[in-house]
Amino acid sequence: MNRDWEWLKQQFAAISRLEHAFALMEWDQATLLASGGQRARGEAMAELQLVINQRLQSPKLEDALSRAETALSLEQKRMAQLMRRKIEEAAVLEDDFVRRRIELSVACESAWRTARVEGDFTRFERAFAPCLALLKEEAQIRRTDQSQPLYQALLNKFEPDLSVAKLDELFAPLKAQLPDLIRQASEHSAGRSRQPLPHVDAVKQQKLAQLLLKPLGFNTERGRLDISSHPFTAGVASDVRITSRYDETNPLSGLYSLIHELGHGCFEQGIAHRWYNTPMVKVQSAALHESQALTFEMQLAREADFIEWLSENCQFHWGENSALSAENLLAHVTEVKPSLIRVEADEVTYPAHILLRYELETAMLSGDLPLSELPSAWNEGMQKWLGIQPESPAQGCLQDIHWCFGEFGYFPSYTLGAMFAAQLTEQWKSAPQWQQLPMERHQWVSEQLAQKLWSTGGQYDLLSGCQALTGTTLSAQSLLSHLKRRYL
């Protein structure tokens, strides 16, 4: 028996349980916590993160890992690699830095929620300025090669095997082809008639969302659905929390937000039980996670026969209405039109929202874009990419929550995930199972993903995962081909 390995697993199991508590504190903060409790919550979360870091910084862990690595199986070697990642991550930042970052992030999120409702950028700017300063400092600390851009150090928090140079290479075809594709698809879409969607009470929308969880593969015995101002997925594999939000004037918005988060949730629930309480329970690539949400939302849920199934459910629970017919829902779901809000953008214009955020993050991090000029830079970017501008910061640079948490480097994962989802789906469409009824197709795809990806947990980084599951390297080609087929 490898005694060091068994001891390491015990130590990381204890750390995993603490991370479970931290994840639920984050979920509660975003869904239930009253504004008056934000400061105390930030202090408590910071304290818990420091306890986790201190355990990871124990010299005994490093010593045991060095001894254990000499006699491990291939599977164990990947877990050991992830153990080392966690140990190194905990050692990068000093305790005081971690405490300040978490407390400032919680305060910034609270300010963002108010600023977004009021359209008040200055309120957000005051709260985010110290977060941005810390983010620049963190990038400097993390950067191992001074010739690398600062963005590299933050990108690798979400995509460990991806360089900025490779990211730019992947995005280059999108930058070159997207403007013309958006123009053509918008013109094509404008010629299709659409009946306005009906007003649907938010409570009715929420009830239908709850009823759709099980048919779409989400296990409500190991997870739950709630409401938040920004849809997200949190928790742990055995206790997955997903959220959606409901717009009474656009009932499709809440349904497709739900389907997106279901993709995340099913990935988490599909992680093999043997990885629980180990570093392997954490998915290593944000883009791999986003690919699952986008496989559900953009690939499966926009097929015509799925929309027929969705139409039947909507009319059964909300009442018969020609505006909820499959034909009309399909016309809305496949509409291409430049819009202001990322999470409500269509499949063709969505990458433009990501390219804009990537440009702004890079510029803010390098110092080329002062924070005070963010609203105007945002508006100029929206004009360049989509030909429209927001009327207020709430529709512009205040629409996303990610920057409150210092998540520079995350936004590219959405479009990288769309690329991977398109490559996966391109393979599936040649299989006879793709021609099944929508729920049977959905189940078959879920089974493929559960077997080849979900169950593996943290086995793959992005590029290695794409190569292993599709046999090809990640590229934008499948995504561009898919968009042209569907929308042109």
Protein backbone atom coordinates (compact mmCIF):
# COMPACT_ATOMS: atom_id res chain seq x y z
CA MET A 1 0.00 0.00 0.00
CA ASN A 2 1.18 3.52 -0.83
CA ARG A 3 0.71 5.05 2.64
CA ASP A 4 1.60 8.55 1.47
CA TRP A 5 -1.06 8.37 -1.24
CA GLU A 6 -3.76 7.20 1.17
CA TRP A 7 -2.84 9.97 3.60
CA LEU A 8 -2.95 12.57 0.81
CA LYS A 9 -6.44 11.46 -0.21
CA GLN A 10 -7.62 11.91 3.37
CA GLN A 11 -6.18 15.41 3.56
CA PHE A 12 -7.68 16.48 0.24
CA ALA A 13 -11.04 14.98 1.22
CA ALA A 14 -11.11 17.27 4.26
CA ILE A 15 -10.18 20.25 2.08
CA SER A 16 -12.94 19.32 -0.38
CA ARG A 17 -15.54 19.41 2.38
CA LEU A 18 -14.46 22.92 3.32
CA GLU A 19 -14.74 23.94 -0.35
CA HIS A 20 -18.26 22.51 -0.33
CA ALA A 21 -19.18 24.91 2.46
CA PHE A 22 -17.57 27.82 0.60
CA ALA A 23 -19.53 27.01 -2.58
CA LEU A 24 -22.84 27.06 -0.73
CA MET A 25 -21.95 30.36 0.92
CA GLU A 26 -21.42 31.80 -2.57
CA TRP A 27 -24.76 30.43 -3.77
CA ASP A 28 -26.60 31.81 -0.73
CA GLN A 29 -24.97 35.20 -1.23
CA ALA A 30 -26.27 35.42 -4.80
CA THR A 31 -29.79 34.12 -4.14
CA LEU A 32 -30.98 34.72 -0.57
CA LEU A 33 -28.61 36.91 1.44
CA ALA A 34 -29.99 40.30 2.51
CA SER A 35 -27.91 43.36 1.60
CA GLY A 36 -27.13 44.03 5.25
CA GLY A 37 -25.36 40.70 5.57
CA GLN A 38 -22.94 41.20 2.68
CA ARG A 39 -20.00 42.55 4.68
CA ALA A 40 -20.12 39.84 7.32
CA ARG A 41 -20.51 37.21 4.61
CA GLY A 42 -17.43 38.53 2.83
CA GLU A 43 -15.41 38.32 6.03
CA ALA A 44 -16.63 34.78 6.72
CA MET A 45 -15.85 33.62 3.18
CA ALA A 46 -12.39 35.15 3.35
CA GLU A 47 -11.73 33.40 6.67
CA LEU A 48 -12.83 30.05 5.28
CA GLN A 49 -10.68 30.46 2.16
CA LEU A 50 -7.67 31.18 4.36
CA VAL A 51 -8.30 28.00 6.35
CA ILE A 52 -8.36 26.06 3.07
CA ASN A 53 -5.16 27.76 1.87
CA GLN A 54 -3.37 27.11 5.14
CA ARG A 55 -4.12 23.40 4.87
CA LEU A 56 -2.85 23.36 1.31
CA GLN A 57 0.33 25.18 2.33
CA SER A 58 1.35 22.50 4.84
CA PRO A 59 4.88 21.26 3.98
CA LYS A 60 3.68 17.75 4.83
CA LEU A 61 1.46 17.74 1.75
CA GLU A 62 4.32 18.59 -0.59
CA ASP A 63 6.62 16.05 1.04
CA ALA A 64 4.04 13.25 0.89
CA LEU A 65 3.18 14.08 -2.72
CA SER A 66 6.84 13.99 -3.77
CA ARG A 67 7.23 10.54 -2.22
CA ALA A 68 3.92 9.19 -3.52
CA GLU A 69 4.47 10.25 -7.14
CA THR A 70 7.10 7.56 -7.66
CA ALA A 71 4.54 4.72 -7.64
CA LEU A 72 1.24 5.85 -9.15
CA SER A 73 -1.04 4.58 -11.90
CA LEU A 74 -1.82 6.78 -14.92
CA GLU A 75 -5.16 7.77 -13.37
CA GLN A 76 -3.51 8.55 -10.05
CA LYS A 77 -0.87 10.66 -11.80
CA ARG A 78 -3.58 13.02 -13.12
CA MET A 79 -5.00 13.35 -9.62
CA ALA A 80 -1.51 14.02 -8.28
CA GLN A 81 -1.09 16.71 -10.94
CA LEU A 82 -4.30 18.38 -9.74
CA MET A 83 -3.18 18.08 -6.12
CA ARG A 84 0.01 19.90 -7.06
CA ARG A 85 -1.99 22.57 -8.90
CA LYS A 86 -4.03 23.23 -5.76
CA ILE A 87 -0.93 23.34 -3.57
CA GLU A 88 0.79 25.78 -5.93
CA GLU A 89 -2.36 27.90 -6.24
CA ALA A 90 -2.61 28.25 -2.47
CA ALA A 91 1.02 29.35 -2.28
CA VAL A 92 0.82 32.03 -4.97
CA LEU A 93 -1.01 34.69 -2.95
CA GLU A 94 -0.37 35.76 0.63
CA ASP A 95 -3.13 35.45 3.21
CA ASP A 96 -3.73 39.19 3.48
CA PHE A 97 -4.08 39.43 -0.29
CA VAL A 98 -6.64 36.60 -0.38
CA ARG A 99 -8.63 38.20 2.44
CA ARG A 100 -8.71 41.60 0.73
CA ARG A 101 -9.65 40.10 -2.63
CA ILE A 102 -12.64 38.17 -1.29
CA GLU A 103 -13.93 40.97 0.91
CA LEU A 104 -13.61 43.50 -1.93
CA SER A 105 -15.31 41.11 -4.36
CA VAL A 106 -18.30 40.60 -2.09
CA ALA A 107 -18.61 44.36 -1.56
CA CYS A 108 -18.26 44.93 -5.30
CA GLU A 109 -21.00 42.43 -6.11
CA SER A 110 -23.35 44.15 -3.68
CA ALA A 111 -22.57 47.54 -5.25
CA TRP A 112 -22.97 46.06 -8.74
CA ARG A 113 -26.48 44.81 -8.00
CA THR A 114 -27.58 48.29 -6.95
CA ALA A 115 -25.64 50.04 -9.71
CA ARG A 116 -27.13 47.77 -12.35
CA VAL A 117 -30.69 48.49 -11.24
CA GLU A 118 -30.02 52.24 -11.10
CA GLY A 119 -27.79 52.38 -14.20
CA ASP A 120 -25.19 54.14 -12.04
CA PHE A 121 -21.67 53.41 -13.31
CA THR A 122 -19.96 55.64 -10.75
CA ARG A 123 -21.27 53.48 -7.89
CA PHE A 124 -19.80 50.41 -9.55
CA GLU A 125 -16.57 52.23 -10.42
CA ARG A 126 -15.90 53.12 -6.79
CA ALA A 127 -16.36 49.49 -5.73
CA PHE A 128 -14.54 47.92 -8.67
CA ALA A 129 -11.48 50.21 -8.77
CA PRO A 130 -9.73 48.48 -5.81
CA CYS A 131 -10.68 45.08 -7.27
CA LEU A 132 -9.06 46.01 -10.58
CA ALA A 133 -5.92 47.23 -8.78
CA LEU A 134 -5.70 43.89 -6.97
CA LEU A 135 -6.29 42.06 -10.23
CA LYS A 136 -3.34 43.79 -11.87
CA GLU A 137 -1.23 42.98 -8.83
CA GLU A 138 -2.35 39.35 -8.94
CA ALA A 139 -1.45 39.06 -12.62
CA GLN A 140 2.04 40.37 -11.86
CA ILE A 141 2.45 37.85 -9.04
CA ARG A 142 1.20 34.94 -11.14
CA ARG A 143 3.22 35.77 -14.23
CA THR A 144 6.16 33.37 -14.41
CA ASP A 145 7.60 34.82 -17.61
CA GLN A 146 7.91 38.60 -17.80
CA SER A 147 7.75 38.45 -21.60
CA GLN A 148 4.19 37.09 -21.37
CA PRO A 149 1.19 39.46 -21.39
CA LEU A 150 -0.44 39.99 -18.00
CA TYR A 151 -3.61 38.43 -19.37
CA GLN A 152 -1.84 35.07 -19.67
CA ALA A 153 -1.55 34.70 -15.91
CA LEU A 154 -5.29 35.19 -15.44
CA LEU A 155 -6.38 33.17 -18.49
CA ASN A 156 -4.64 30.09 -17.10
CA LYS A 157 -6.82 30.17 -13.98
CA PHE A 158 -9.68 29.07 -16.27
CA GLU A 159 -7.83 27.38 -19.15
CA PRO A 160 -4.62 25.83 -17.79
CA ASP A 161 -3.33 24.59 -21.16
CA LEU A 162 -4.16 27.64 -23.30
CA SER A 163 -1.79 30.46 -24.21
CA VAL A 164 -2.88 33.96 -25.23
CA ALA A 165 -1.18 33.34 -28.59
CA LYS A 166 -3.30 30.21 -29.11
CA LEU A 167 -6.43 32.08 -28.00
CA ASP A 168 -5.77 34.81 -30.56
CA GLU A 169 -5.20 32.14 -33.21
CA LEU A 170 -8.55 30.51 -32.37
CA PHE A 171 -10.37 33.85 -32.40
CA ALA A 172 -8.79 35.11 -35.65
CA PRO A 173 -11.27 33.36 -38.02
CA LEU A 174 -14.17 34.75 -35.98
CA LYS A 175 -12.80 38.28 -36.17
CA ALA A 176 -12.38 37.91 -39.92
CA GLN A 177 -15.71 36.27 -40.78
CA LEU A 178 -18.14 37.32 -38.06
CA PRO A 179 -19.02 40.86 -39.26
CA ASP A 180 -20.13 39.64 -42.70
CA LEU A 181 -21.87 36.59 -41.21
CA ILE A 182 -23.83 38.78 -38.78
CA ARG A 183 -24.87 41.09 -41.64
CA GLN A 184 -26.05 38.24 -43.90
CA ALA A 185 -27.81 36.33 -41.13
CA SER A 186 -29.55 39.48 -39.88
CA GLU A 187 -30.82 40.28 -43.36
CA HIS A 188 -32.00 36.70 -43.83
CA SER A 189 -33.73 36.71 -40.44
CA ALA A 190 -35.43 40.07 -40.97
CA GLY A 191 -37.47 38.64 -43.80
CA ARG A 192 -39.21 36.13 -41.53
CA SER A 193 -42.47 37.13 -39.85
CA ARG A 194 -42.83 36.72 -36.09
CA GLN A 195 -45.82 37.15 -33.83
CA PRO A 196 -44.90 38.90 -30.56
CA LEU A 197 -44.48 36.50 -27.65
CA PRO A 198 -47.24 36.60 -25.02
CA HIS A 199 -46.89 38.04 -21.54
CA VAL A 200 -46.42 35.11 -19.12
CA ASP A 201 -46.49 35.51 -15.36
CA ALA A 202 -43.10 34.81 -13.76
CA VAL A 203 -44.66 32.33 -11.32
CA LYS A 204 -46.07 30.30 -14.21
CA GLN A 205 -42.68 30.36 -15.92
CA GLN A 206 -40.99 29.14 -12.76
CA LYS A 207 -43.48 26.27 -12.37
CA LEU A 208 -42.85 25.09 -15.92
CA ALA A 209 -39.08 25.36 -15.39
CA GLN A 210 -39.36 23.07 -12.37
CA LEU A 211 -41.35 20.55 -14.41
CA LEU A 212 -38.77 20.52 -17.22
CA LEU A 213 -35.84 19.65 -14.95
CA LYS A 214 -36.38 15.90 -14.90
CA PRO A 215 -37.17 15.40 -18.63
CA LEU A 216 -34.00 17.32 -19.49
CA GLY A 217 -31.88 15.11 -17.24
CA PHE A 218 -31.41 17.09 -14.02
CA ASN A 219 -31.63 15.04 -10.82
CA THR A 220 -33.64 17.05 -8.28
CA GLU A 221 -32.56 14.69 -5.48
CA ARG A 222 -29.03 16.03 -5.91
CA GLY A 223 -29.76 19.61 -6.86
CA ARG A 224 -32.28 22.43 -6.98
CA LEU A 225 -33.44 25.38 -9.09
CA ASP A 226 -33.73 28.93 -7.74
CA ILE A 227 -33.93 32.53 -8.98
CA SER A 228 -31.07 35.02 -9.21
CA SER A 229 -30.47 38.30 -11.03
CA HIS A 230 -27.80 36.57 -13.14
CA PRO A 231 -28.25 32.85 -13.99
CA PHE A 232 -25.46 30.64 -12.67
CA THR A 233 -24.55 27.16 -11.44
CA ALA A 234 -22.88 26.53 -8.08
CA GLY A 235 -22.54 23.93 -5.36
CA VAL A 236 -20.79 20.58 -5.65
CA ALA A 237 -21.40 17.36 -7.59
CA SER A 238 -23.66 15.88 -4.93
CA ASP A 239 -25.53 19.15 -4.34
CA VAL A 240 -25.80 21.19 -7.56
CA ARG A 241 -27.52 24.59 -7.43
CA ILE A 242 -28.75 26.15 -10.68
CA THR A 243 -30.60 29.42 -11.10
CA SER A 244 -32.55 31.22 -13.79
CA ARG A 245 -34.41 34.51 -14.10
CA TYR A 246 -37.77 35.22 -15.71
CA ASP A 247 -38.82 38.05 -18.02
CA GLU A 248 -42.61 38.26 -18.23
CA THR A 249 -42.42 39.95 -21.65
CA ASN A 250 -40.08 37.28 -23.06
CA PRO A 251 -40.81 33.82 -21.67
CA LEU A 252 -38.18 32.23 -23.93
CA SER A 253 -35.44 34.07 -22.04
CA GLY A 254 -36.01 32.20 -18.79
CA LEU A 255 -36.48 28.84 -20.53
CA TYR A 256 -33.23 29.04 -22.46
CA SER A 257 -31.32 30.36 -19.44
CA LEU A 258 -32.63 27.30 -17.62
CA ILE A 259 -31.51 24.95 -20.40
CA HIS A 260 -28.06 26.53 -20.41
CA GLU A 261 -27.62 26.08 -16.67
CA LEU A 262 -28.99 22.54 -16.93
CA GLY A 263 -26.01 21.73 -19.15
CA HIS A 264 -23.68 22.91 -16.41
CA GLY A 265 -25.68 21.11 -13.75
CA CYS A 266 -25.80 17.79 -15.58
CA PHE A 267 -22.02 17.90 -16.06
CA GLU A 268 -21.55 18.34 -12.31
CA GLN A 269 -24.07 15.62 -11.46
CA GLY A 270 -22.46 13.29 -13.98
CA ILE A 271 -19.04 13.32 -12.32
CA ALA A 272 -18.24 9.79 -11.13
CA HIS A 273 -18.80 9.20 -7.42
CA ARG A 274 -15.26 7.90 -6.99
CA TRP A 275 -13.97 11.42 -7.62
CA TYR A 276 -16.01 12.98 -4.81
CA ASN A 277 -13.85 14.69 -2.19
CA THR A 278 -10.79 14.58 -4.46
CA PRO A 279 -9.28 17.27 -6.72
CA MET A 280 -10.69 15.30 -9.68
CA VAL A 281 -14.22 16.42 -8.78
CA LYS A 282 -13.41 19.93 -10.05
CA VAL A 283 -13.66 20.51 -13.80
CA GLN A 284 -10.38 22.14 -14.82
CA SER A 285 -11.48 24.02 -17.93
CA ALA A 286 -14.19 26.68 -17.90
CA ALA A 287 -14.60 26.20 -21.67
CA LEU A 288 -15.27 22.47 -21.26
CA HIS A 289 -17.99 23.39 -18.77
CA GLU A 290 -19.44 26.03 -21.08
CA SER A 291 -19.38 23.56 -23.97
CA GLN A 292 -21.86 21.37 -22.10
CA ALA A 293 -24.22 24.25 -21.38
CA LEU A 294 -24.02 25.34 -25.01
CA THR A 295 -24.52 21.79 -26.30
CA PHE A 296 -27.83 21.79 -24.43
CA GLU A 297 -28.88 25.39 -25.13
CA MET A 298 -27.57 26.12 -28.63
CA GLN A 299 -27.25 22.74 -30.31
CA LEU A 300 -30.00 20.46 -28.95
CA ALA A 301 -32.58 23.04 -27.88
CA ARG A 302 -32.62 24.89 -31.20
CA GLU A 303 -33.47 21.88 -33.32
CA ALA A 304 -36.92 22.26 -34.89
CA ASP A 305 -38.40 19.12 -33.33
CA PHE A 306 -37.16 20.12 -29.85
CA ILE A 307 -38.95 23.43 -30.26
CA GLU A 308 -42.13 21.51 -31.17
CA TRP A 309 -41.77 19.62 -27.88
CA LEU A 310 -41.16 22.89 -26.03
CA SER A 311 -44.19 24.49 -27.68
CA GLU A 312 -46.44 21.63 -26.54
CA ASN A 313 -45.24 22.05 -22.95
CA CYS A 314 -45.65 25.82 -22.99
CA GLN A 315 -49.20 25.69 -24.34
CA PHE A 316 -50.23 22.87 -22.00
CA HIS A 317 -49.13 24.87 -18.93
CA TRP A 318 -49.66 28.46 -20.08
CA GLY A 319 -52.70 28.04 -22.31
CA GLU A 320 -53.13 27.63 -26.05
CA ASN A 321 -51.78 30.61 -27.94
CA SER A 322 -50.72 30.96 -31.57
CA ALA A 323 -47.74 33.01 -30.38
CA LEU A 324 -46.52 29.87 -28.58
CA SER A 325 -46.82 27.69 -31.68
CA ALA A 326 -43.73 25.75 -32.73
CA GLU A 327 -43.47 27.80 -35.92
CA ASN A 328 -43.52 31.11 -34.06
CA LEU A 329 -41.14 29.94 -31.32
CA LEU A 330 -38.73 28.67 -33.98
CA ALA A 331 -38.87 32.04 -35.71
CA HIS A 332 -37.96 33.74 -32.42
CA VAL A 333 -35.29 31.23 -31.40
CA THR A 334 -33.53 31.47 -34.77
CA GLU A 335 -33.83 35.24 -35.05
CA VAL A 336 -30.51 36.97 -35.67
CA LYS A 337 -30.46 40.59 -34.62
CA PRO A 338 -27.73 42.60 -32.90
CA SER A 339 -28.78 43.15 -29.30
CA LEU A 340 -27.35 44.72 -26.17
CA ILE A 341 -27.49 41.92 -23.59
CA ARG A 342 -24.99 39.05 -23.88
CA VAL A 343 -27.06 36.36 -22.14
CA GLU A 344 -29.99 37.08 -24.46
CA ALA A 345 -27.94 37.32 -27.65
CA ASP A 346 -28.58 34.96 -30.54
CA GLU A 347 -26.08 32.30 -31.52
CA VAL A 348 -24.55 34.31 -34.38
CA THR A 349 -23.97 37.62 -32.59
CA TYR A 350 -22.95 36.06 -29.26
CA PRO A 351 -19.23 35.69 -30.13
CA ALA A 352 -19.09 39.42 -30.85
CA HIS A 353 -20.09 40.10 -27.24
CA ILE A 354 -17.18 37.90 -26.11
CA LEU A 355 -14.64 39.48 -28.45
CA LEU A 356 -15.61 42.89 -27.08
CA ARG A 357 -15.13 41.79 -23.47
CA TYR A 358 -11.80 40.19 -24.31
CA GLU A 359 -10.60 43.45 -25.85
CA LEU A 360 -11.77 45.50 -22.85
CA GLU A 361 -10.26 43.14 -20.27
CA THR A 362 -6.91 43.19 -22.03
CA ALA A 363 -6.95 46.99 -22.24
CA MET A 364 -7.97 47.50 -18.60
CA LEU A 365 -5.34 45.07 -17.38
CA SER A 366 -2.54 46.67 -19.40
CA GLY A 367 -3.57 50.15 -18.31
CA ASP A 368 -4.45 51.27 -21.84
CA LEU A 369 -8.08 51.72 -20.77
CA PRO A 370 -8.69 53.75 -17.58
CA LEU A 371 -11.66 52.43 -15.64
CA SER A 372 -13.45 55.78 -15.89
CA GLU A 373 -13.51 55.40 -19.69
CA LEU A 374 -15.02 51.89 -19.64
CA PRO A 375 -18.61 52.98 -20.52
CA SER A 376 -17.50 54.95 -23.58
CA ALA A 377 -15.10 52.20 -24.69
CA TRP A 378 -17.92 49.68 -24.29
CA ASN A 379 -20.25 51.79 -26.41
CA GLU A 380 -17.61 52.23 -29.11
CA GLY A 381 -16.97 48.49 -29.13
CA MET A 382 -20.67 47.66 -29.44
CA GLN A 383 -20.89 50.06 -32.36
CA LYS A 384 -17.87 48.43 -34.03
CA TRP A 385 -19.01 44.83 -33.57
CA LEU A 386 -22.79 45.06 -33.69
CA GLY A 387 -23.70 48.53 -34.91
CA ILE A 388 -25.70 49.42 -31.79
CA GLN A 389 -25.08 51.26 -28.51
CA PRO A 390 -26.73 50.99 -25.07
CA GLU A 391 -28.76 53.85 -23.66
CA SER A 392 -27.45 53.25 -20.14
CA PRO A 393 -24.62 51.38 -18.41
CA ALA A 394 -27.17 48.81 -17.17
CA GLN A 395 -27.52 47.67 -20.80
CA GLY A 396 -23.78 48.03 -21.32
CA CYS A 397 -20.79 47.51 -19.08
CA LEU A 398 -22.89 46.78 -15.95
CA GLN A 399 -24.74 43.77 -17.36
CA ASP A 400 -22.30 41.03 -16.22
CA ILE A 401 -21.36 39.96 -12.72
CA HIS A 402 -18.03 38.33 -13.61
CA TRP A 403 -15.74 41.33 -13.13
CA CYS A 404 -16.90 41.74 -9.52
CA PHE A 405 -15.09 38.49 -8.76
CA GLY A 406 -12.01 39.45 -10.75
CA GLU A 407 -12.79 36.85 -13.40
CA PHE A 408 -10.70 38.37 -16.18
CA GLY A 409 -9.93 35.48 -18.51
CA TYR A 410 -13.30 33.74 -18.14
CA PHE A 411 -15.31 35.34 -20.96
CA PRO A 412 -13.29 33.71 -23.79
CA SER A 413 -14.40 30.35 -22.38
CA TYR A 414 -17.94 30.94 -23.64
CA THR A 415 -16.90 31.09 -27.27
CA LEU A 416 -14.22 28.43 -26.84
CA GLY A 417 -16.99 26.26 -25.39
CA ALA A 418 -19.20 27.01 -28.41
CA MET A 419 -16.38 25.84 -30.69
CA PHE A 420 -16.03 22.57 -28.80
CA ALA A 421 -19.82 22.03 -28.69
CA ALA A 422 -19.98 22.50 -32.47
CA GLN A 423 -17.18 19.98 -33.03
CA LEU A 424 -18.92 17.42 -30.83
CA THR A 425 -22.30 17.94 -32.51
CA GLU A 426 -20.78 17.75 -35.99
CA GLN A 427 -19.76 14.17 -35.20
CA TRP A 428 -23.11 13.21 -33.64
CA LYS A 429 -25.21 14.41 -36.57
CA SER A 430 -23.85 11.58 -38.72
CA ALA A 431 -25.09 8.97 -36.21
CA PRO A 432 -28.58 7.42 -36.62
CA GLN A 433 -29.42 8.27 -32.98
CA TRP A 434 -29.45 11.97 -33.91
CA GLN A 435 -32.60 11.31 -35.96
CA GLN A 436 -34.54 10.11 -32.90
CA LEU A 437 -37.36 12.04 -31.24
CA PRO A 438 -36.05 15.10 -29.36
CA MET A 439 -36.15 13.65 -25.85
CA GLU A 440 -34.60 10.39 -27.03
CA ARG A 441 -31.89 12.35 -28.86
CA HIS A 442 -31.33 14.45 -25.76
CA GLN A 443 -30.96 11.33 -23.64
CA TRP A 444 -28.57 9.73 -26.14
CA VAL A 445 -26.35 12.83 -26.24
CA SER A 446 -26.40 12.97 -22.44
CA GLU A 447 -25.32 9.33 -22.28
CA GLN A 448 -22.45 10.01 -24.68
CA LEU A 449 -21.30 12.98 -22.64
CA ALA A 450 -21.73 11.19 -19.32
CA GLN A 451 -19.59 8.30 -20.46
CA LYS A 452 -16.85 10.22 -22.27
CA LEU A 453 -16.63 13.50 -20.36
CA TRP A 454 -18.89 14.07 -17.35
CA SER A 455 -17.79 10.97 -15.45
CA THR A 456 -14.11 11.91 -15.85
CA GLY A 457 -14.43 15.10 -13.79
CA GLY A 458 -11.12 16.93 -13.92
CA GLN A 459 -9.42 14.50 -16.28
CA TYR A 460 -9.04 17.01 -19.13
CA ASP A 461 -7.91 20.52 -19.81
CA LEU A 462 -9.50 22.21 -22.83
CA LEU A 463 -7.13 21.33 -25.67
CA SER A 464 -6.45 17.80 -24.43
CA GLY A 465 -10.18 17.24 -23.89
CA CYS A 466 -11.08 18.32 -27.41
CA GLN A 467 -8.41 16.07 -28.89
CA ALA A 468 -9.51 13.10 -26.77
CA LEU A 469 -13.25 13.42 -27.44
CA THR A 470 -13.29 14.52 -31.10
CA GLY A 471 -9.94 13.27 -32.39
CA THR A 472 -9.23 16.76 -33.76
CA THR A 473 -7.67 19.94 -32.46
CA LEU A 474 -9.91 22.78 -31.31
CA SER A 475 -10.74 25.31 -34.03
CA ALA A 476 -13.40 27.81 -35.03
CA GLN A 477 -14.21 25.99 -38.28
CA SER A 478 -17.01 23.73 -37.01
CA LEU A 479 -18.69 26.64 -35.23
CA LEU A 480 -18.57 28.86 -38.32
CA SER A 481 -19.85 26.04 -40.53
CA HIS A 482 -22.67 25.33 -38.08
CA LEU A 483 -23.73 29.00 -37.97
CA LYS A 484 -23.75 29.26 -41.76
CA ARG A 485 -25.83 26.09 -42.14
CA ARG A 486 -28.38 27.04 -39.52
CA TYR A 487 -28.77 30.77 -40.20
CA LEU A 488 -27.96 31.25 -43.88
